[in-house]
């Protein structure tokens, strides 16, 4: 994702990468400043960045939220599998700076969430739903954060009722991500699918969400908030 973000930024004229943070300096990082953790980051920069985009792991998200709150930097995070403690850290940071968290930052998946919510509203809460997610073999959380997001969108339209929603996860090969939502009615089936063929969709979405976020006041935002402004 770091490589994809750098490529997406390089294709635009309104953003540039100020620095990279990770345990090792990547060979694709070019001349960008790099640090092993958030706190020494400012040593190599002439100014505080306008935005931090986080695609790390939950422990990285926790550190990023604290750093952003302390330095007045808006935060976009697409990290999944967050514990209640890390989620609490994001919300505490949102008291000081704008924070947008979403388990998936592609426009297509967030549109899918709207669509499945609408279907759930029409077909009723008694309709069984199966949510399948396919990801690469190294993905740790199952169901994926995106699958859980889709389930939550359905449950909200059912008045908070998540009964009858089944999750099925597959981890194999180099699959970037595929999510299928199936509603089983009497004599018919409705299926809605999103398939990611390029990780660049998440990077481009994160940049667009970030450009929107830096104009917002402090608070906790979702991808739905960002898309509603499009």
Protein backbone atom coordinates (compact mmCIF):
# COMPACT_ATOMS: atom_id res chain seq x y z
CA UNK A 1 0.00 0.00 0.00
CA UNK A 2 2.89 2.35 0.65
CA UNK A 3 4.16 1.83 -2.87
CA UNK A 4 0.63 2.30 -4.25
CA UNK A 5 0.18 5.54 -2.31
CA UNK A 6 3.46 6.93 -3.61
CA UNK A 7 2.46 6.03 -7.18
CA UNK A 8 -1.00 7.56 -6.75
CA UNK A 9 0.48 10.76 -5.32
CA UNK A 10 3.02 10.99 -8.14
CA UNK A 11 0.18 10.92 -10.66
CA UNK A 12 -1.39 14.05 -9.12
CA UNK A 13 -0.32 17.69 -9.06
CA UNK A 14 -2.13 18.65 -5.83
CA UNK A 15 -0.37 16.30 -3.40
CA UNK A 16 3.13 15.09 -2.63
CA UNK A 17 4.55 12.55 -0.22
CA UNK A 18 6.42 14.26 2.61
CA UNK A 19 7.79 11.19 4.41
CA UNK A 20 7.46 7.45 4.91
CA UNK A 21 7.24 5.67 8.26
CA UNK A 22 7.99 1.96 8.64
CA UNK A 23 10.41 -0.50 10.20
CA UNK A 24 12.67 -0.44 7.14
CA UNK A 25 13.33 2.16 4.45
CA UNK A 26 11.77 0.80 1.25
CA UNK A 27 13.82 0.66 -1.93
CA UNK A 28 10.96 2.38 -3.80
CA UNK A 29 10.83 5.39 -1.46
CA UNK A 30 12.98 7.65 -3.61
CA UNK A 31 14.25 10.79 -1.91
CA UNK A 32 11.42 10.96 0.63
CA UNK A 33 12.36 11.33 4.28
CA UNK A 34 11.92 8.09 6.21
CA UNK A 35 11.66 7.17 9.87
CA UNK A 36 11.22 3.97 11.84
CA UNK A 37 8.47 5.44 14.06
CA UNK A 38 6.16 8.44 14.13
CA UNK A 39 7.90 10.46 16.85
CA UNK A 40 11.27 11.17 15.13
CA UNK A 41 9.46 11.94 11.88
CA UNK A 42 9.60 15.73 12.18
CA UNK A 43 13.39 15.75 12.47
CA UNK A 44 13.76 15.24 8.72
CA UNK A 45 10.99 17.61 7.60
CA UNK A 46 10.90 21.36 7.06
CA UNK A 47 7.21 21.54 8.02
CA UNK A 48 4.52 19.44 9.68
CA UNK A 49 2.62 17.38 7.07
CA UNK A 50 -0.97 18.32 6.22
CA UNK A 51 -2.16 14.71 6.48
CA UNK A 52 -1.10 11.27 7.67
CA UNK A 53 -2.37 8.17 5.83
CA UNK A 54 -2.13 4.94 7.82
CA UNK A 55 -2.03 1.49 6.23
CA UNK A 56 0.01 -0.27 8.91
CA UNK A 57 -1.10 -2.73 11.61
CA UNK A 58 -3.25 -2.00 14.69
CA UNK A 59 -0.23 -1.12 16.85
CA UNK A 60 0.88 1.33 14.16
CA UNK A 61 -2.58 2.88 14.08
CA UNK A 62 -2.51 3.43 17.83
CA UNK A 63 0.83 5.23 17.59
CA UNK A 64 -0.29 7.23 14.55
CA UNK A 65 -3.43 8.45 16.33
CA UNK A 66 -1.41 9.69 19.32
CA UNK A 67 1.15 11.38 17.06
CA UNK A 68 -1.52 13.11 14.96
CA UNK A 69 -3.37 14.38 18.01
CA UNK A 70 -0.14 15.76 19.50
CA UNK A 71 0.93 17.48 16.28
CA UNK A 72 -2.41 18.67 14.92
CA UNK A 73 -2.30 16.43 11.83
CA UNK A 74 -5.49 14.96 10.29
CA UNK A 75 -5.48 11.16 10.02
CA UNK A 76 -6.90 8.77 7.42
CA UNK A 77 -6.66 5.10 8.42
CA UNK A 78 -7.63 2.00 6.49
CA UNK A 79 -6.31 -0.54 9.01
CA UNK A 80 -8.63 -3.40 10.00
CA UNK A 81 -8.71 -5.77 12.96
CA UNK A 82 -8.58 -2.92 15.49
CA UNK A 83 -9.13 -3.74 19.15
CA UNK A 84 -11.54 -1.64 21.25
CA UNK A 85 -8.48 0.03 22.79
CA UNK A 86 -7.12 1.14 19.41
CA UNK A 87 -10.57 2.26 18.29
CA UNK A 88 -10.74 4.30 21.48
CA UNK A 89 -7.40 5.87 20.60
CA UNK A 90 -8.76 6.98 17.23
CA UNK A 91 -11.80 8.55 18.87
CA UNK A 92 -9.64 10.33 21.44
CA UNK A 93 -7.51 11.73 18.62
CA UNK A 94 -10.71 12.87 16.88
CA UNK A 95 -11.32 15.28 19.75
CA UNK A 96 -8.24 17.20 18.59
CA UNK A 97 -8.03 16.57 14.81
CA UNK A 98 -10.24 15.23 12.01
CA UNK A 99 -9.94 11.43 11.82
CA UNK A 100 -11.42 9.26 9.06
CA UNK A 101 -11.37 5.51 9.57
CA UNK A 102 -12.77 2.99 7.14
CA UNK A 103 -12.00 -0.71 6.68
CA UNK A 104 -12.07 -0.05 2.94
CA UNK A 105 -11.32 3.22 1.17
CA UNK A 106 -12.31 2.27 -2.37
CA UNK A 107 -15.26 4.16 -3.81
CA UNK A 108 -16.71 0.93 -5.21
CA UNK A 109 -16.87 -0.92 -1.89
CA UNK A 110 -18.49 2.01 -0.14
CA UNK A 111 -21.08 2.22 -2.89
CA UNK A 112 -21.63 -1.52 -2.43
CA UNK A 113 -22.33 -0.90 1.26
CA UNK A 114 -25.04 1.57 0.30
CA UNK A 115 -26.55 -0.86 -2.19
CA UNK A 116 -26.67 -3.86 0.14
CA UNK A 117 -28.22 -1.68 2.81
CA UNK A 118 -30.97 -0.67 0.42
CA UNK A 119 -31.59 -4.30 -0.59
CA UNK A 120 -31.78 -5.33 3.07
CA UNK A 121 -34.33 -2.61 3.71
CA UNK A 122 -36.57 -3.82 0.87
CA UNK A 123 -36.36 -7.61 1.32
CA UNK A 124 -36.81 -7.52 5.08
CA UNK A 125 -34.91 -8.79 8.08
CA UNK A 126 -36.11 -12.37 7.67
CA UNK A 127 -34.05 -12.83 4.46
CA UNK A 128 -30.86 -14.89 4.97
CA UNK A 129 -27.65 -13.14 3.93
CA UNK A 130 -24.23 -14.64 3.17
CA UNK A 131 -21.15 -12.42 2.91
CA UNK A 132 -18.08 -14.01 1.28
CA UNK A 133 -14.65 -12.41 1.34
CA UNK A 134 -11.54 -13.57 -0.53
CA UNK A 135 -8.10 -12.14 0.27
CA UNK A 136 -4.42 -13.01 -0.04
CA UNK A 137 -2.98 -15.79 2.11
CA UNK A 138 -1.24 -13.42 4.57
CA UNK A 139 -4.29 -11.43 5.65
CA UNK A 140 -4.74 -12.02 9.37
CA UNK A 141 -8.29 -10.96 10.17
CA UNK A 142 -11.28 -13.05 9.10
CA UNK A 143 -13.96 -12.03 8.33
CA UNK A 144 -12.33 -9.04 6.71
CA UNK A 145 -13.04 -5.57 7.99
CA UNK A 146 -14.84 -4.87 4.73
CA UNK A 147 -17.09 -7.93 5.16
CA UNK A 148 -17.96 -6.75 8.66
CA UNK A 149 -18.64 -3.26 7.30
CA UNK A 150 -21.07 -4.71 4.76
CA UNK A 151 -22.77 -6.75 7.48
CA UNK A 152 -23.09 -3.64 9.64
CA UNK A 153 -24.66 -1.73 6.74
CA UNK A 154 -27.26 -4.49 6.40
CA UNK A 155 -27.92 -4.66 10.14
CA UNK A 156 -28.46 -0.89 10.35
CA UNK A 157 -31.23 -1.10 7.74
CA UNK A 158 -32.74 -3.94 9.78
CA UNK A 159 -33.01 -1.83 12.89
CA UNK A 160 -29.76 -3.17 14.33
CA UNK A 161 -30.71 -6.83 13.82
CA UNK A 162 -27.68 -8.83 12.62
CA UNK A 163 -29.29 -12.25 12.89
CA UNK A 164 -29.30 -14.27 9.69
CA UNK A 165 -26.02 -12.78 8.42
CA UNK A 166 -23.38 -15.45 7.77
CA UNK A 167 -19.71 -14.75 7.00
CA UNK A 168 -17.42 -16.99 4.93
CA UNK A 169 -13.75 -16.15 4.45
CA UNK A 170 -11.13 -17.56 2.09
CA UNK A 171 -7.41 -16.75 2.22
CA UNK A 172 -5.46 -17.88 -0.83
CA UNK A 173 -2.64 -16.85 -3.13
CA UNK A 174 -2.23 -13.19 -4.00
CA UNK A 175 -5.91 -12.23 -4.20
CA UNK A 176 -6.27 -8.48 -3.57
CA UNK A 177 -9.86 -8.63 -2.39
CA UNK A 178 -13.30 -9.81 -3.46
CA UNK A 179 -16.57 -9.42 -1.55
CA UNK A 180 -19.88 -11.00 -2.50
CA UNK A 181 -23.16 -10.42 -0.67
CA UNK A 182 -25.95 -12.91 -1.35
CA UNK A 183 -29.59 -12.48 -0.33
CA UNK A 184 -31.60 -15.70 -0.57
CA UNK A 185 -35.30 -15.12 -1.19
CA UNK A 186 -38.10 -17.56 -1.93
CA UNK A 187 -37.37 -18.72 -5.48
CA UNK A 188 -34.73 -16.11 -6.29
CA UNK A 189 -31.27 -14.93 -5.25
CA UNK A 190 -29.77 -11.45 -5.30
CA UNK A 191 -25.96 -11.17 -5.47
CA UNK A 192 -23.85 -8.03 -5.37
CA UNK A 193 -20.09 -8.30 -5.84
CA UNK A 194 -17.07 -6.03 -5.69
CA UNK A 195 -13.73 -7.27 -6.98
CA UNK A 196 -10.48 -5.36 -6.50
CA UNK A 197 -8.03 -5.92 -9.35
CA UNK A 198 -5.52 -3.24 -8.35
CA UNK A 199 -4.43 -2.03 -4.89
CA UNK A 200 -4.25 1.42 -6.42
CA UNK A 201 -8.00 1.82 -5.88
CA UNK A 202 -7.42 1.95 -2.11
CA UNK A 203 -4.55 4.42 -2.47
CA UNK A 204 -6.50 6.72 -4.78
CA UNK A 205 -9.48 6.56 -2.46
CA UNK A 206 -7.30 7.35 0.57
CA UNK A 207 -5.85 10.42 -1.16
CA UNK A 208 -9.29 11.69 -2.18
CA UNK A 209 -10.64 11.07 1.32
CA UNK A 210 -7.63 12.87 2.78
CA UNK A 211 -8.08 15.94 0.57
CA UNK A 212 -11.66 16.12 1.83
CA UNK A 213 -10.69 15.47 5.45
CA UNK A 214 -8.17 18.30 5.76
CA UNK A 215 -11.02 20.77 5.20
CA UNK A 216 -13.13 19.35 8.04
CA UNK A 217 -13.20 20.28 11.72
CA UNK A 218 -11.97 17.87 14.39
CA UNK A 219 -14.20 14.83 14.64
CA UNK A 220 -14.55 11.16 13.76
CA UNK A 221 -15.60 10.50 10.17
CA UNK A 222 -16.44 7.49 8.00
CA UNK A 223 -16.08 6.89 4.28
CA UNK A 224 -19.84 7.47 4.03
CA UNK A 225 -19.31 11.06 5.24
CA UNK A 226 -16.68 11.60 2.57
CA UNK A 227 -18.78 10.07 -0.24
CA UNK A 228 -21.85 12.07 0.79
CA UNK A 229 -19.90 15.21 -0.09
CA UNK A 230 -19.00 14.04 -3.61
